[in-house]
Amino acid sequence: MADDETPPSKPPCNREDALAVLRRLRDAGHVAYFAGGCVRDLLLGREPKDWDVATDAPPGRVRELFSNTQAVGQAFGVILVRHRRSQVEVATFRTDGSYTDGRRPDAVRFATAEEDARRRDFTINGLFLDPVEDRVIDYVGGREDLAAGSVRAIGDPDRRFEEDHLRLLRAVRFAARLAFVIEPATAAAIRRHAPLLVRISPERIAEELRHMFGPPTRAGAWVLLWELALVDPIFRHLGSAEGAELDPARSVFLAVDPATTIPFGLALAAAAVCFRMKPPNGPKDVRALLDRGEVQRIVRALRQGLKISNDEAEQVRAVLEGIRPLLGEESPGVAAMKRFLAGPHAREARMLLDALAKVGQHVGHLAELRPKLEELSRGDVAPPPLITGDDLTAAALEPGPVFKRVLDSVYDAQLEGRVTTREEAMELAMRVAKQ
């Protein structure tokens, strides 16, 4: 496994279970420490999500010592040990050979704890903890960087990023999440190697963005992605950001309720709007991005560039298309507002509308719209339709495209209170059908 990387299917493990596994290794005569992210978080006073073990015991020996194991990366020395209700990741100390795919070493050699620490990504992730003697083992200056609030590559930063290009994003994730700065030489190396990100699978990039873009710390991540020239390779399918700079005052992404955890689809929608409106050539009015064809292009580009899920793609589409009827030259009617509020992603779309107002988009229009939406949201915005297609068929109307036009017109009238009974609805339907 990569440094501090949790297998997607690996459930959390608790400290006591991991400690029991570690003690078993030590009782069998092996060196064993807690390693990586759990040590970093513990020293920062944070509750670790996982407790990983590093040892000098080879993978085969680990499997001899424990009856319930799974080889998730035996070639890299990684075994999952099932103990009680936990799955503990046990990795053999190793040093890595060359990396030809920009992601994983071609081969590894089992090694010492110090060699293992020096092949890792950042000093703050290169720490070990001996929980028996309550002693931190630091071969790379990680404790000093933790105290300084610094993300620093271990050894030569150029080499670290040439080995594993995903580290370019991991540096940003750690810096944003911990409110750390990226050490200048490490930051300079990220800028130099930013174009290498295109070699990483879209799925892995998307996974890093999910960690970055949801939490309130996303603002720091977004700023760093721009400062370190990573936005262009990430969103290259949306166009090119070459020569553009982040303008915080116009950044829709930064304006989305910064204190709130948000869904990934909303974050992507805001990021796409920012990217497509980037100065100096982007449109000044967000409405230029919201016609159906343009939204479809945005969603298609995000699917191509990040391989996002169907649900995430639908959320991006619904958020962007959902706000379009509310930004027209004329104020939307009651029916349009109720249809908007009834949408499955209305909450996210409203957050995007608030963000647009914060960056100067349609400020007066949205200020007038906000209390209307608030008032309507307290009532029933999606009552059952008074009539259906079966009613139209029973009235001897021929099924076809006219059905949608009739049903939409009648439902709008129902939402606006112009019809309140089935009889009134059918009378209107017949009039509309004849038009």
Protein backbone atom coordinates (compact mmCIF):
# COMPACT_ATOMS: atom_id res chain seq x y z
CA MET A 1 0.00 0.00 0.00
CA ALA A 2 1.07 3.63 -0.47
CA ASP A 3 2.17 5.67 2.54
CA ASP A 4 -0.66 6.33 5.01
CA GLU A 5 -3.14 4.89 2.49
CA THR A 6 -6.11 2.89 3.73
CA PRO A 7 -7.50 0.17 1.44
CA PRO A 8 -10.98 1.21 0.25
CA SER A 9 -12.59 -1.88 1.79
CA LYS A 10 -10.66 -1.79 5.07
CA PRO A 11 -12.88 -1.06 8.07
CA PRO A 12 -11.54 1.05 10.94
CA CYS A 13 -9.52 -0.61 13.64
CA ASN A 14 -9.21 0.42 17.27
CA ARG A 15 -6.05 0.96 19.24
CA GLU A 16 -6.47 -1.97 21.63
CA ASP A 17 -6.84 -4.49 18.81
CA ALA A 18 -3.85 -3.03 16.95
CA LEU A 19 -1.82 -3.07 20.18
CA ALA A 20 -2.66 -6.74 20.71
CA VAL A 21 -1.35 -7.54 17.21
CA LEU A 22 1.77 -5.47 17.83
CA ARG A 23 2.47 -7.26 21.14
CA ARG A 24 2.09 -10.65 19.49
CA LEU A 25 4.75 -9.69 16.94
CA ARG A 26 7.07 -8.47 19.68
CA ASP A 27 6.51 -11.56 21.82
CA ALA A 28 7.59 -13.60 18.78
CA GLY A 29 10.91 -11.72 18.72
CA HIS A 30 10.14 -9.08 16.08
CA VAL A 31 10.45 -5.31 16.05
CA ALA A 32 6.99 -3.73 15.74
CA TYR A 33 5.80 -0.12 15.94
CA PHE A 34 2.75 1.93 15.22
CA ALA A 35 3.50 3.81 12.01
CA GLY A 36 2.51 6.71 9.80
CA GLY A 37 -0.71 8.69 10.10
CA CYS A 38 -1.79 7.36 13.49
CA VAL A 39 1.47 8.55 15.05
CA ARG A 40 1.15 11.94 13.37
CA ASP A 41 -2.42 12.42 14.56
CA LEU A 42 -1.65 11.21 18.07
CA LEU A 43 1.19 13.72 18.44
CA LEU A 44 -1.12 16.47 17.20
CA GLY A 45 -3.71 15.61 19.82
CA ARG A 46 -6.12 14.21 17.22
CA GLU A 47 -7.95 10.92 17.45
CA PRO A 48 -6.38 8.54 14.89
CA LYS A 49 -8.82 6.86 12.52
CA ASP A 50 -6.60 3.82 12.07
CA TRP A 51 -3.71 2.19 13.82
CA ASP A 52 -1.21 0.69 11.36
CA VAL A 53 1.66 -1.54 12.41
CA ALA A 54 5.13 -1.70 10.83
CA THR A 55 7.43 -4.62 11.61
CA ASP A 56 10.58 -6.43 10.59
CA ALA A 57 8.60 -9.67 10.28
CA PRO A 58 8.30 -10.73 6.60
CA PRO A 59 4.76 -11.20 5.23
CA GLY A 60 4.98 -14.97 5.41
CA ARG A 61 5.96 -14.81 9.05
CA VAL A 62 3.04 -12.46 9.80
CA ARG A 63 0.66 -15.00 8.28
CA GLU A 64 2.21 -17.78 10.39
CA LEU A 65 1.65 -15.80 13.59
CA PHE A 66 -1.99 -14.93 12.93
CA SER A 67 -4.70 -17.34 11.87
CA ASN A 68 -7.00 -14.85 10.13
CA THR A 69 -5.17 -12.76 7.55
CA GLN A 70 -5.58 -11.35 4.06
CA ALA A 71 -2.75 -10.47 1.69
CA VAL A 72 -3.82 -7.08 0.28
CA GLY A 73 -0.33 -6.20 -0.91
CA GLN A 74 1.96 -9.08 -0.07
CA ALA A 75 4.41 -8.12 -2.81
CA PHE A 76 4.78 -4.80 -0.97
CA GLY A 77 4.84 -6.45 2.43
CA VAL A 78 1.28 -5.57 3.49
CA ILE A 79 -0.98 -8.02 5.31
CA LEU A 80 -4.37 -7.36 6.91
CA VAL A 81 -4.70 -9.13 10.24
CA ARG A 82 -8.23 -9.67 11.50
CA HIS A 83 -8.27 -9.43 15.27
CA ARG A 84 -11.48 -9.24 17.27
CA ARG A 85 -13.60 -6.65 15.42
CA SER A 86 -10.70 -4.90 13.70
CA GLN A 87 -8.58 -5.37 10.62
CA VAL A 88 -5.06 -4.23 11.37
CA GLU A 89 -2.74 -3.35 8.51
CA VAL A 90 0.67 -4.88 9.15
CA ALA A 91 3.46 -3.77 6.81
CA THR A 92 6.98 -5.11 6.70
CA PHE A 93 9.75 -2.49 6.82
CA ARG A 94 10.86 -1.99 3.24
CA THR A 95 12.75 0.16 0.81
CA ASP A 96 11.41 0.77 -2.69
CA GLY A 97 12.93 0.17 -6.08
CA SER A 98 12.25 2.29 -9.14
CA TYR A 99 8.77 3.61 -10.00
CA THR A 100 7.97 3.37 -13.70
CA ASP A 101 4.22 3.99 -13.52
CA GLY A 102 4.36 7.07 -11.29
CA ARG A 103 2.34 5.37 -8.59
CA ARG A 104 3.84 2.17 -7.14
CA PRO A 105 7.36 0.73 -6.92
CA ASP A 106 8.28 -1.95 -9.43
CA ALA A 107 9.84 -3.97 -6.63
CA VAL A 108 10.60 -3.67 -2.93
CA ARG A 109 13.30 -4.97 -0.61
CA PHE A 110 12.53 -5.68 3.01
CA ALA A 111 14.69 -3.47 5.13
CA THR A 112 15.19 -1.71 8.46
CA ALA A 113 12.87 0.71 10.23
CA GLU A 114 15.10 3.63 9.29
CA GLU A 115 15.15 2.66 5.61
CA ASP A 116 11.38 2.27 5.72
CA ALA A 117 10.94 5.76 7.18
CA ARG A 118 13.19 7.32 4.55
CA ARG A 119 11.23 5.89 1.60
CA ARG A 120 7.94 7.46 2.79
CA ASP A 121 6.37 10.66 1.43
CA PHE A 122 6.45 13.42 4.07
CA THR A 123 8.32 13.75 7.33
CA ILE A 124 5.11 14.04 9.34
CA ASN A 125 4.11 10.59 8.00
CA GLY A 126 7.54 9.02 8.60
CA LEU A 127 7.25 8.61 12.37
CA PHE A 128 7.06 5.41 14.41
CA LEU A 129 5.74 4.92 17.93
CA ASP A 130 6.80 2.21 20.34
CA PRO A 131 3.63 2.01 22.47
CA VAL A 132 5.21 -0.42 24.94
CA GLU A 133 7.98 2.01 25.91
CA ASP A 134 5.91 5.08 24.92
CA ARG A 135 8.74 6.25 22.66
CA VAL A 136 8.61 8.08 19.31
CA ILE A 137 11.18 6.95 16.74
CA ASP A 138 11.97 9.78 14.33
CA TYR A 139 14.58 9.25 11.58
CA VAL A 140 13.38 12.07 9.31
CA GLY A 141 12.71 15.17 11.41
CA GLY A 142 8.97 14.64 11.52
CA ARG A 143 8.49 15.85 15.10
CA GLU A 144 10.21 19.13 14.28
CA ASP A 145 7.98 19.64 11.25
CA LEU A 146 4.88 18.79 13.26
CA ALA A 147 5.85 21.45 15.78
CA ALA A 148 6.50 23.94 12.97
CA GLY A 149 3.26 23.10 11.13
CA SER A 150 5.15 22.16 7.97
CA VAL A 151 4.56 19.55 5.25
CA ARG A 152 8.03 18.61 4.00
CA ALA A 153 9.01 15.85 1.58
CA ILE A 154 11.43 13.27 2.98
CA GLY A 155 14.80 13.63 1.27
CA ASP A 156 14.81 14.99 -2.27
CA PRO A 157 11.31 16.35 -3.02
CA ASP A 158 11.78 15.97 -6.78
CA ARG A 159 12.48 12.29 -6.33
CA ARG A 160 9.49 11.81 -4.01
CA PHE A 161 7.08 13.28 -6.58
CA GLU A 162 8.69 11.52 -9.54
CA GLU A 163 8.21 8.22 -7.69
CA ASP A 164 4.53 8.68 -6.84
CA HIS A 165 2.70 11.52 -8.59
CA LEU A 166 -0.32 11.23 -6.29
CA ARG A 167 1.86 12.72 -3.56
CA LEU A 168 1.36 16.05 -5.32
CA LEU A 169 -2.26 16.00 -4.13
CA ARG A 170 -1.55 14.34 -0.81
CA ALA A 171 0.70 17.25 0.15
CA VAL A 172 -2.21 19.61 -0.43
CA ARG A 173 -4.63 17.39 1.47
CA PHE A 174 -2.41 17.21 4.54
CA ALA A 175 -1.59 20.91 4.50
CA ALA A 176 -5.26 21.90 4.22
CA ARG A 177 -6.57 19.38 6.72
CA LEU A 178 -3.94 20.23 9.34
CA ALA A 179 -3.74 23.97 8.56
CA PHE A 180 -0.02 23.49 7.84
CA VAL A 181 2.17 25.24 5.28
CA ILE A 182 4.01 23.36 2.57
CA GLU A 183 7.75 23.81 3.00
CA PRO A 184 9.15 26.03 0.18
CA ALA A 185 11.40 23.43 -1.51
CA THR A 186 8.56 20.90 -1.41
CA ALA A 187 6.11 23.46 -2.83
CA ALA A 188 8.53 24.37 -5.61
CA ALA A 189 8.90 20.70 -6.53
CA ILE A 190 5.11 20.30 -6.66
CA ARG A 191 4.85 23.18 -9.15
CA ARG A 192 7.59 21.64 -11.30
CA HIS A 193 5.94 18.24 -11.32
CA ALA A 194 2.28 19.32 -11.52
CA PRO A 195 1.96 18.19 -15.18
CA LEU A 196 2.75 14.60 -14.06
CA LEU A 197 -0.65 14.42 -12.42
CA VAL A 198 -2.19 13.50 -15.78
CA ARG A 199 -0.50 10.08 -15.46
CA ILE A 200 -2.55 9.23 -12.37
CA SER A 201 -5.85 7.42 -12.81
CA PRO A 202 -8.89 9.71 -12.66
CA GLU A 203 -10.42 7.53 -9.95
CA ARG A 204 -7.45 8.10 -7.61
CA ILE A 205 -7.49 11.85 -8.22
CA ALA A 206 -11.23 11.96 -7.51
CA GLU A 207 -10.71 10.07 -4.27
CA GLU A 208 -8.17 12.66 -3.10
CA LEU A 209 -10.57 15.44 -4.05
CA ARG A 210 -13.36 13.81 -2.04
CA HIS A 211 -11.13 14.02 1.03
CA MET A 212 -10.28 17.65 0.26
CA PHE A 213 -13.50 19.19 -1.04
CA GLY A 214 -16.10 18.13 1.51
CA PRO A 215 -14.81 19.43 4.86
CA PRO A 216 -14.68 23.09 5.89
CA THR A 217 -10.90 22.94 5.32
CA ARG A 218 -11.60 22.78 1.56
CA ALA A 219 -10.89 26.50 1.17
CA GLY A 220 -7.24 25.97 2.06
CA ALA A 221 -7.03 23.07 -0.37
CA TRP A 222 -8.60 25.10 -3.21
CA VAL A 223 -6.15 27.96 -2.72
CA LEU A 224 -3.19 25.57 -2.68
CA LEU A 225 -4.35 23.74 -5.81
CA TRP A 226 -4.28 27.07 -7.66
CA GLU A 227 -1.01 28.28 -6.12
CA LEU A 228 0.75 25.01 -6.96
CA ALA A 229 -0.51 24.83 -10.58
CA LEU A 230 -2.52 21.66 -9.92
CA VAL A 231 -5.93 22.97 -10.99
CA ASP A 232 -5.16 22.78 -14.70
CA PRO A 233 -4.17 19.09 -14.80
CA ILE A 234 -7.07 18.13 -12.53
CA PHE A 235 -9.74 19.97 -14.55
CA ARG A 236 -8.03 19.94 -17.94
CA HIS A 237 -11.13 18.44 -19.57
CA LEU A 238 -13.03 21.61 -18.64
CA GLY A 239 -10.53 23.72 -20.54
CA SER A 240 -7.23 25.35 -19.66
CA ALA A 241 -6.47 27.59 -16.69
CA GLU A 242 -3.04 28.49 -18.02
CA GLY A 243 -2.26 32.10 -17.20
CA ALA A 244 -5.26 32.45 -14.88
CA GLU A 245 -4.94 33.19 -11.20
CA LEU A 246 -7.35 32.57 -8.36
CA ASP A 247 -9.40 35.64 -7.52
CA PRO A 248 -10.78 34.96 -4.01
CA ALA A 249 -13.38 37.71 -4.37
CA ARG A 250 -14.87 35.96 -7.44
CA SER A 251 -14.37 32.36 -6.33
CA VAL A 252 -17.72 30.61 -6.09
CA PHE A 253 -15.97 27.59 -4.58
CA LEU A 254 -14.58 29.65 -1.69
CA ALA A 255 -17.96 31.32 -1.14
CA VAL A 256 -19.93 28.10 -0.59
CA ASP A 257 -20.71 28.23 3.15
CA PRO A 258 -17.10 27.84 4.34
CA ALA A 259 -18.08 26.54 7.79
CA THR A 260 -20.13 23.62 6.47
CA THR A 261 -19.31 20.14 5.25
CA ILE A 262 -20.77 19.82 1.75
CA PRO A 263 -21.45 16.95 -0.68
CA PHE A 264 -18.80 16.23 -3.29
CA GLY A 265 -21.24 16.92 -6.14
CA LEU A 266 -21.87 20.45 -4.89
CA ALA A 267 -18.14 21.01 -4.49
CA LEU A 268 -17.52 19.87 -8.07
CA ALA A 269 -20.33 22.08 -9.37
CA ALA A 270 -18.82 25.10 -7.61
CA ALA A 271 -15.33 24.17 -8.81
CA ALA A 272 -16.55 23.82 -12.38
CA VAL A 273 -18.26 27.22 -12.25
CA CYS A 274 -15.07 28.79 -10.87
CA PHE A 275 -12.98 27.13 -13.53
CA ARG A 276 -15.22 28.09 -16.42
CA MET A 277 -15.56 31.69 -15.18
CA LYS A 278 -11.82 32.10 -14.59
CA PRO A 279 -10.32 35.43 -15.60
CA PRO A 280 -9.46 36.93 -17.95
CA ASN A 281 -11.49 35.13 -20.62
CA GLY A 282 -14.29 33.47 -18.67
CA PRO A 283 -17.87 34.76 -18.84
CA LYS A 284 -18.80 37.51 -16.41
CA ASP A 285 -22.36 36.19 -16.00
CA VAL A 286 -22.85 32.68 -14.66
CA ARG A 287 -25.99 32.27 -16.81
CA ALA A 288 -23.70 31.67 -19.79
CA LEU A 289 -22.69 28.38 -18.13
CA LEU A 290 -26.13 27.15 -17.27
CA ASP A 291 -27.87 26.37 -20.53
CA ARG A 292 -28.58 22.67 -20.83
CA GLY A 293 -25.91 22.00 -23.44
CA GLU A 294 -23.18 23.69 -21.41
CA VAL A 295 -24.13 21.85 -18.22
CA GLN A 296 -24.04 18.59 -20.13
CA ARG A 297 -20.54 19.46 -21.36
CA ILE A 298 -19.42 20.21 -17.80
CA VAL A 299 -20.79 16.93 -16.48
CA ARG A 300 -19.28 15.00 -19.38
CA ALA A 301 -15.88 16.63 -18.76
CA LEU A 302 -15.99 15.79 -15.05
CA ARG A 303 -16.91 12.20 -15.80
CA GLN A 304 -14.09 11.93 -18.29
CA GLY A 305 -11.50 13.64 -16.12
CA LEU A 306 -12.41 12.19 -12.73
CA LYS A 307 -14.61 9.15 -13.46
CA ILE A 308 -17.11 10.36 -10.87
CA SER A 309 -20.03 8.11 -10.00
CA ASN A 310 -23.48 8.30 -11.57
CA ASP A 311 -24.86 9.79 -8.35
CA GLU A 312 -22.14 12.45 -8.22
CA ALA A 313 -22.64 13.34 -11.88
CA GLU A 314 -26.39 13.64 -11.33
CA GLN A 315 -25.82 15.91 -8.35
CA VAL A 316 -23.59 18.22 -10.40
CA ARG A 317 -26.16 18.32 -13.19
CA ALA A 318 -29.10 18.87 -10.84
CA VAL A 319 -27.35 21.65 -8.92
CA LEU A 320 -26.32 23.55 -12.06
CA GLU A 321 -29.53 23.03 -14.02
CA GLY A 322 -31.65 23.59 -10.92
CA ILE A 323 -30.55 27.18 -10.46
CA ARG A 324 -30.93 28.16 -14.12
CA PRO A 325 -34.72 28.88 -14.01
CA LEU A 326 -34.18 31.15 -11.01
CA LEU A 327 -31.63 33.42 -12.71
CA GLY A 328 -33.67 34.60 -15.68
CA GLU A 329 -34.33 38.23 -16.49
CA GLU A 330 -37.82 37.88 -15.01
CA SER A 331 -38.45 36.79 -11.42
CA PRO A 332 -39.51 33.13 -11.35
CA GLY A 333 -43.13 32.30 -10.65
CA VAL A 334 -44.42 30.30 -7.72
CA ALA A 335 -44.55 27.09 -9.75
CA ALA A 336 -40.92 27.40 -10.83
CA MET A 337 -39.80 28.07 -7.26
CA LYS A 338 -41.79 25.13 -5.88
CA ARG A 339 -40.42 22.80 -8.56
CA PHE A 340 -36.93 23.98 -7.62
CA LEU A 341 -37.52 23.39 -3.91
CA ALA A 342 -38.97 19.93 -4.60
CA GLY A 343 -35.81 18.81 -6.38
CA PRO A 344 -33.66 16.18 -4.64
CA HIS A 345 -30.68 18.56 -4.54
CA ALA A 346 -32.47 21.80 -3.68
CA ARG A 347 -30.42 22.30 -0.50
CA GLU A 348 -27.16 22.12 -2.43
CA ALA A 349 -28.51 24.33 -5.21
CA ARG A 350 -29.57 26.96 -2.67
CA MET A 351 -26.07 26.92 -1.18
CA LEU A 352 -24.67 27.55 -4.66
CA LEU A 353 -27.13 30.43 -5.18
CA ASP A 354 -25.96 31.99 -1.90
CA ALA A 355 -22.35 31.62 -3.02
CA LEU A 356 -23.10 33.30 -6.36
CA ALA A 357 -24.61 36.26 -4.55
CA LYS A 358 -21.52 36.54 -2.33
CA VAL A 359 -19.27 36.91 -5.38
CA GLY A 360 -21.48 39.55 -6.97
CA GLN A 361 -23.64 37.46 -9.31
CA HIS A 362 -27.25 38.73 -9.57
CA VAL A 363 -27.08 40.18 -6.06
CA GLY A 364 -30.32 42.16 -6.13
CA HIS A 365 -32.22 39.41 -7.92
CA LEU A 366 -31.11 36.76 -5.42
CA ALA A 367 -31.74 39.03 -2.43
CA GLU A 368 -35.34 39.35 -3.61
CA LEU A 369 -35.62 35.63 -4.31
CA ARG A 370 -34.22 34.33 -1.00
CA PRO A 371 -37.17 35.26 1.30
CA LYS A 372 -39.65 33.92 -1.25
CA LEU A 373 -37.89 30.55 -1.31
CA GLU A 374 -37.71 30.55 2.46
CA GLU A 375 -41.43 31.17 2.80
CA LEU A 376 -42.42 28.58 0.20
CA SER A 377 -40.11 25.96 1.73
CA ARG A 378 -42.22 26.02 4.89
CA GLY A 379 -45.22 24.70 2.97
CA ASP A 380 -45.93 21.71 0.73
CA VAL A 381 -43.84 22.24 -2.40
CA ALA A 382 -44.57 18.85 -3.98
CA PRO A 383 -48.25 17.92 -3.55
CA PRO A 384 -49.51 14.83 -5.43
CA PRO A 385 -50.74 15.83 -8.90
CA LEU A 386 -54.51 16.25 -9.16
CA ILE A 387 -54.50 14.34 -12.48
CA THR A 388 -52.24 11.83 -14.22
CA GLY A 389 -51.73 10.44 -17.69
CA ASP A 390 -54.34 7.78 -16.94
CA ASP A 391 -56.91 10.52 -16.49
CA LEU A 392 -56.00 12.00 -19.88
CA THR A 393 -56.26 8.58 -21.52
CA ALA A 394 -59.66 8.05 -19.90
CA ALA A 395 -60.73 11.38 -21.39
CA ALA A 396 -59.97 9.97 -24.87
CA LEU A 397 -56.78 11.96 -25.43
CA GLU A 398 -54.17 10.22 -27.56
CA PRO A 399 -50.93 9.48 -25.63
CA GLY A 400 -47.91 11.33 -26.97
CA PRO A 401 -45.82 14.49 -26.52
CA VAL A 402 -48.95 16.48 -25.75
CA PHE A 403 -49.34 14.60 -22.46
CA LYS A 404 -46.23 16.19 -20.95
CA ARG A 405 -47.24 19.68 -22.03
CA VAL A 406 -50.74 19.23 -20.61
CA LEU A 407 -49.62 17.64 -17.34
CA ASP A 408 -46.88 20.25 -16.80
CA SER A 409 -49.30 23.11 -17.41
CA VAL A 410 -51.92 21.65 -15.07
CA TYR A 411 -49.38 20.91 -12.34
CA ASP A 412 -47.99 24.46 -12.56
CA ALA A 413 -51.52 25.75 -12.11
CA GLN A 414 -51.96 23.44 -9.12
CA LEU A 415 -48.69 24.65 -7.54
CA GLU A 416 -49.80 28.26 -8.01
CA GLY A 417 -53.25 27.57 -6.54
CA ARG A 418 -55.13 28.31 -9.79
CA VAL A 419 -56.72 24.86 -9.71
CA THR A 420 -57.57 23.07 -6.48
CA THR A 421 -59.80 20.14 -7.48
CA ARG A 422 -59.59 17.26 -9.93
CA GLU A 423 -62.54 18.67 -11.86
CA GLU A 424 -60.83 22.05 -12.30
CA ALA A 425 -57.61 20.28 -13.29
CA MET A 426 -59.38 18.21 -15.97
CA GLU A 427 -61.17 21.26 -17.33
CA LEU A 428 -57.82 23.07 -17.71
CA ALA A 429 -56.23 19.98 -19.23
CA MET A 430 -58.82 19.79 -21.98
CA ARG A 431 -58.35 23.49 -22.79
CA VAL A 432 -54.56 23.11 -22.96
CA ALA A 433 -54.84 19.98 -25.11
CA LYS A 434 -56.81 21.91 -27.74
CA GLN A 435 -54.24 24.71 -28.01
